[in-house]
Structures are given as C-alpha cells and as structure tokens.
Amino acid sequence: MKMKRNNILENIAKIRKEKGFSQEFVAMKLNMKQAGYGLIENGDRGLQYDTLLQIAVIFDVDVVDIIMYPETYINKTTITQPEKISLTFDLPADKLDVLLNLITGK
C-alpha cells in the first residue's frame, strides 16, 4: 500500500480527535504554538520524523499505527492470552524447597 503524506496527516487529526485532544493540547506537549501545529496537521508545514515520534508518544501509539490508521501493526484485540494451569504435588516437606527452586529458577 502506497502511503501519502496527506494520509498520515489525516490520520494524525483523526487519532487526535478520537483521543479527545485539542490542537492546543498537542501543540503544548510538542512545545510549540497551536498555529504551528495546525500548519503541520493541515499540510502547510512539513512533518519532521522527530515530530511524528513525539506525536506518537503523546497519543500513546506506535508510529506505524499512525501510518496504518485505522489498522494497527499488531492488532491487540486478536492477541490470545496464555492459558493458566494449576499443578498439585504431594511432596514430603523437605522436598518443597527443591520444587520451588526448580519452578522459579533459583
């Protein structure tokens, strides 16, 4: 999929709105004026990679997720959780420490 700069800027605006962030808030976090941030989001000022990294941190997402929005690089909803198991052992009291050391690797 060929990605254009405007798609990334549109994605930034969509994610910002989805997060409930104003342009003023993001600009403040970037240590810039709202007008300057607005120029970036509108495509009137170039988006530097360092700024994109900072925006990803502010949004608490990966840079690739901004680029691929609304898709995510790793779909966190499809990751399966490991199964939990329980084991029961009948051991003499003096062997309990040996078993715990084996399990914990100590």
C-alpha atoms as a PDB file:
ATOM      1  CA  MET A   1       0.000   0.000   0.000  1.00  0.00           C
ATOM      2  CA  LYS A   2       1.468   3.335  -1.032  1.00  0.00           C
ATOM      3  CA  MET A   3       1.150   5.901   1.728  1.00  0.00           C
ATOM      4  CA  LYS A   4       0.961   9.618   1.011  1.00  0.00           C
ATOM      5  CA  ARG A   5       1.929  12.352   3.437  1.00  0.00           C
ATOM      6  CA  ASN A   6      -1.627  13.701   3.481  1.00  0.00           C
ATOM      7  CA  ASN A   7      -2.934  10.312   4.619  1.00  0.00           C
ATOM      8  CA  ILE A   8      -0.597  10.418   7.599  1.00  0.00           C
ATOM      9  CA  LEU A   9      -1.683  13.967   8.436  1.00  0.00           C
ATOM     10  CA  GLU A  10      -5.336  12.971   8.177  1.00  0.00           C
ATOM     11  CA  ASN A  11      -4.617  10.008  10.438  1.00  0.00           C
ATOM     12  CA  ILE A  12      -2.971  12.289  12.997  1.00  0.00           C
ATOM     13  CA  ALA A  13      -6.033  14.554  13.035  1.00  0.00           C
ATOM     14  CA  LYS A  14      -8.402  11.579  13.336  1.00  0.00           C
ATOM     15  CA  ILE A  15      -6.451   9.971  16.166  1.00  0.00           C
ATOM     16  CA  ARG A  16      -6.131  13.317  17.961  1.00  0.00           C
ATOM     17  CA  LYS A  17      -9.896  13.818  17.798  1.00  0.00           C
ATOM     18  CA  GLU A  18     -10.543  10.192  18.793  1.00  0.00           C
ATOM     19  CA  LYS A  19      -8.346  10.707  21.862  1.00  0.00           C
ATOM     20  CA  GLY A  20     -10.265  13.892  22.694  1.00  0.00           C
ATOM     21  CA  PHE A  21      -7.154  16.061  22.355  1.00  0.00           C
ATOM     22  CA  SER A  22      -7.302  19.616  21.069  1.00  0.00           C
ATOM     23  CA  GLN A  23      -4.703  21.060  18.739  1.00  0.00           C
ATOM     24  CA  GLU A  24      -3.739  23.363  21.599  1.00  0.00           C
ATOM     25  CA  PHE A  25      -3.049  20.388  23.890  1.00  0.00           C
ATOM     26  CA  VAL A  26      -0.880  18.572  21.343  1.00  0.00           C
ATOM     27  CA  ALA A  27       0.948  21.791  20.464  1.00  0.00           C
ATOM     28  CA  MET A  28       1.665  22.435  24.146  1.00  0.00           C
ATOM     29  CA  LYS A  29       3.062  18.892  24.530  1.00  0.00           C
ATOM     30  CA  LEU A  30       5.233  19.498  21.447  1.00  0.00           C
ATOM     31  CA  ASN A  31       6.394  22.813  22.932  1.00  0.00           C
ATOM     32  CA  MET A  32       5.038  24.814  20.007  1.00  0.00           C
ATOM     33  CA  LYS A  33       2.190  27.206  19.318  1.00  0.00           C
ATOM     34  CA  GLN A  34      -1.196  25.898  18.224  1.00  0.00           C
ATOM     35  CA  ALA A  35      -0.896  27.783  14.938  1.00  0.00           C
ATOM     36  CA  GLY A  36       2.343  25.968  14.125  1.00  0.00           C
ATOM     37  CA  TYR A  37       0.852  22.601  14.968  1.00  0.00           C
ATOM     38  CA  GLY A  38      -2.229  23.444  12.907  1.00  0.00           C
ATOM     39  CA  LEU A  39       0.031  24.158   9.921  1.00  0.00           C
ATOM     40  CA  ILE A  40       1.593  20.697  10.304  1.00  0.00           C
ATOM     41  CA  GLU A  41      -1.778  18.960  10.597  1.00  0.00           C
ATOM     42  CA  ASN A  42      -3.120  20.872   7.563  1.00  0.00           C
ATOM     43  CA  GLY A  43      -0.046  20.036   5.469  1.00  0.00           C
ATOM     44  CA  ASP A  44       1.148  23.627   5.180  1.00  0.00           C
ATOM     45  CA  ARG A  45       4.306  22.866   7.174  1.00  0.00           C
ATOM     46  CA  GLY A  46       6.450  19.771   6.785  1.00  0.00           C
ATOM     47  CA  LEU A  47       6.101  16.975   9.298  1.00  0.00           C
ATOM     48  CA  GLN A  48       9.533  16.002  10.593  1.00  0.00           C
ATOM     49  CA  TYR A  49      10.090  12.423  11.686  1.00  0.00           C
ATOM     50  CA  ASP A  50      11.108  13.568  15.180  1.00  0.00           C
ATOM     51  CA  THR A  51       7.799  15.412  15.486  1.00  0.00           C
ATOM     52  CA  LEU A  52       5.926  12.316  14.324  1.00  0.00           C
ATOM     53  CA  LEU A  53       7.715  10.313  17.036  1.00  0.00           C
ATOM     54  CA  GLN A  54       6.705  12.877  19.659  1.00  0.00           C
ATOM     55  CA  ILE A  55       3.099  12.823  18.441  1.00  0.00           C
ATOM     56  CA  ALA A  56       3.076   9.020  18.728  1.00  0.00           C
ATOM     57  CA  VAL A  57       4.247   9.316  22.337  1.00  0.00           C
ATOM     58  CA  ILE A  58       1.562  11.911  23.103  1.00  0.00           C
ATOM     59  CA  PHE A  59      -1.096   9.680  21.527  1.00  0.00           C
ATOM     60  CA  ASP A  60       0.354   6.591  23.271  1.00  0.00           C
ATOM     61  CA  VAL A  61       0.550   4.665  19.989  1.00  0.00           C
ATOM     62  CA  ASP A  62       3.328   3.359  17.759  1.00  0.00           C
ATOM     63  CA  VAL A  63       4.398   5.455  14.774  1.00  0.00           C
ATOM     64  CA  VAL A  64       3.425   2.602  12.468  1.00  0.00           C
ATOM     65  CA  ASP A  65      -0.093   2.686  13.958  1.00  0.00           C
ATOM     66  CA  ILE A  66      -0.398   6.359  12.979  1.00  0.00           C
ATOM     67  CA  ILE A  67       0.717   5.499   9.459  1.00  0.00           C
ATOM     68  CA  MET A  68      -1.591   2.473   9.155  1.00  0.00           C
ATOM     69  CA  TYR A  69      -4.613   4.002  10.957  1.00  0.00           C
ATOM     70  CA  PRO A  70      -7.293   2.731  11.454  1.00  0.00           C
ATOM     71  CA  GLU A  71      -5.426  -0.586  11.254  1.00  0.00           C
ATOM     72  CA  THR A  72      -2.757  -1.376  13.814  1.00  0.00           C
ATOM     73  CA  TYR A  73       0.537  -3.090  13.221  1.00  0.00           C
ATOM     74  CA  ILE A  74      -0.258  -5.621  15.934  1.00  0.00           C
ATOM     75  CA  ASN A  75      -3.958  -5.952  16.490  1.00  0.00           C
ATOM     76  CA  LYS A  76      -4.063  -6.051  20.265  1.00  0.00           C
ATOM     77  CA  THR A  77      -7.601  -7.424  20.276  1.00  0.00           C
ATOM     78  CA  THR A  78      -6.564 -10.609  18.472  1.00  0.00           C
ATOM     79  CA  ILE A  79      -3.654 -11.481  20.749  1.00  0.00           C
ATOM     80  CA  THR A  80      -4.609 -14.509  22.770  1.00  0.00           C
ATOM     81  CA  GLN A  81      -3.786 -14.693  26.429  1.00  0.00           C
ATOM     82  CA  PRO A  82      -1.741 -17.654  27.617  1.00  0.00           C
ATOM     83  CA  GLU A  83      -3.613 -20.444  29.314  1.00  0.00           C
ATOM     84  CA  LYS A  84      -3.310 -20.735  33.056  1.00  0.00           C
ATOM     85  CA  ILE A  85      -2.593 -24.104  34.580  1.00  0.00           C
ATOM     86  CA  SER A  86      -2.563 -25.431  38.099  1.00  0.00           C
ATOM     87  CA  LEU A  87      -0.494 -28.297  39.370  1.00  0.00           C
ATOM     88  CA  THR A  88      -0.780 -30.172  42.628  1.00  0.00           C
ATOM     89  CA  PHE A  89       2.116 -32.073  44.135  1.00  0.00           C
ATOM     90  CA  ASP A  90       2.171 -34.414  47.096  1.00  0.00           C
ATOM     91  CA  LEU A  91       5.689 -33.980  48.454  1.00  0.00           C
ATOM     92  CA  PRO A  92       7.475 -34.508  51.678  1.00  0.00           C
ATOM     93  CA  ALA A  93       8.065 -31.177  53.435  1.00  0.00           C
ATOM     94  CA  ASP A  94      11.832 -31.358  52.895  1.00  0.00           C
ATOM     95  CA  LYS A  95      11.377 -31.536  49.073  1.00  0.00           C
ATOM     96  CA  LEU A  96       9.170 -28.441  48.799  1.00  0.00           C
ATOM     97  CA  ASP A  97      12.157 -26.079  48.598  1.00  0.00           C
ATOM     98  CA  VAL A  98      13.673 -28.182  45.804  1.00  0.00           C
ATOM     99  CA  LEU A  99      10.450 -27.980  43.769  1.00  0.00           C
ATOM    100  CA  LEU A 100      10.078 -24.223  44.315  1.00  0.00           C
ATOM    101  CA  ASN A 101      13.675 -23.678  43.222  1.00  0.00           C
ATOM    102  CA  LEU A 102      13.029 -25.659  40.033  1.00  0.00           C
ATOM    103  CA  ILE A 103       9.894 -23.656  39.252  1.00  0.00           C
ATOM    104  CA  THR A 104      11.343 -20.233  39.988  1.00  0.00           C
ATOM    105  CA  GLY A 105      14.781 -20.963  38.564  1.00  0.00           C
ATOM    106  CA  LYS A 106      16.597 -20.027  41.754  1.00  0.00           C
END
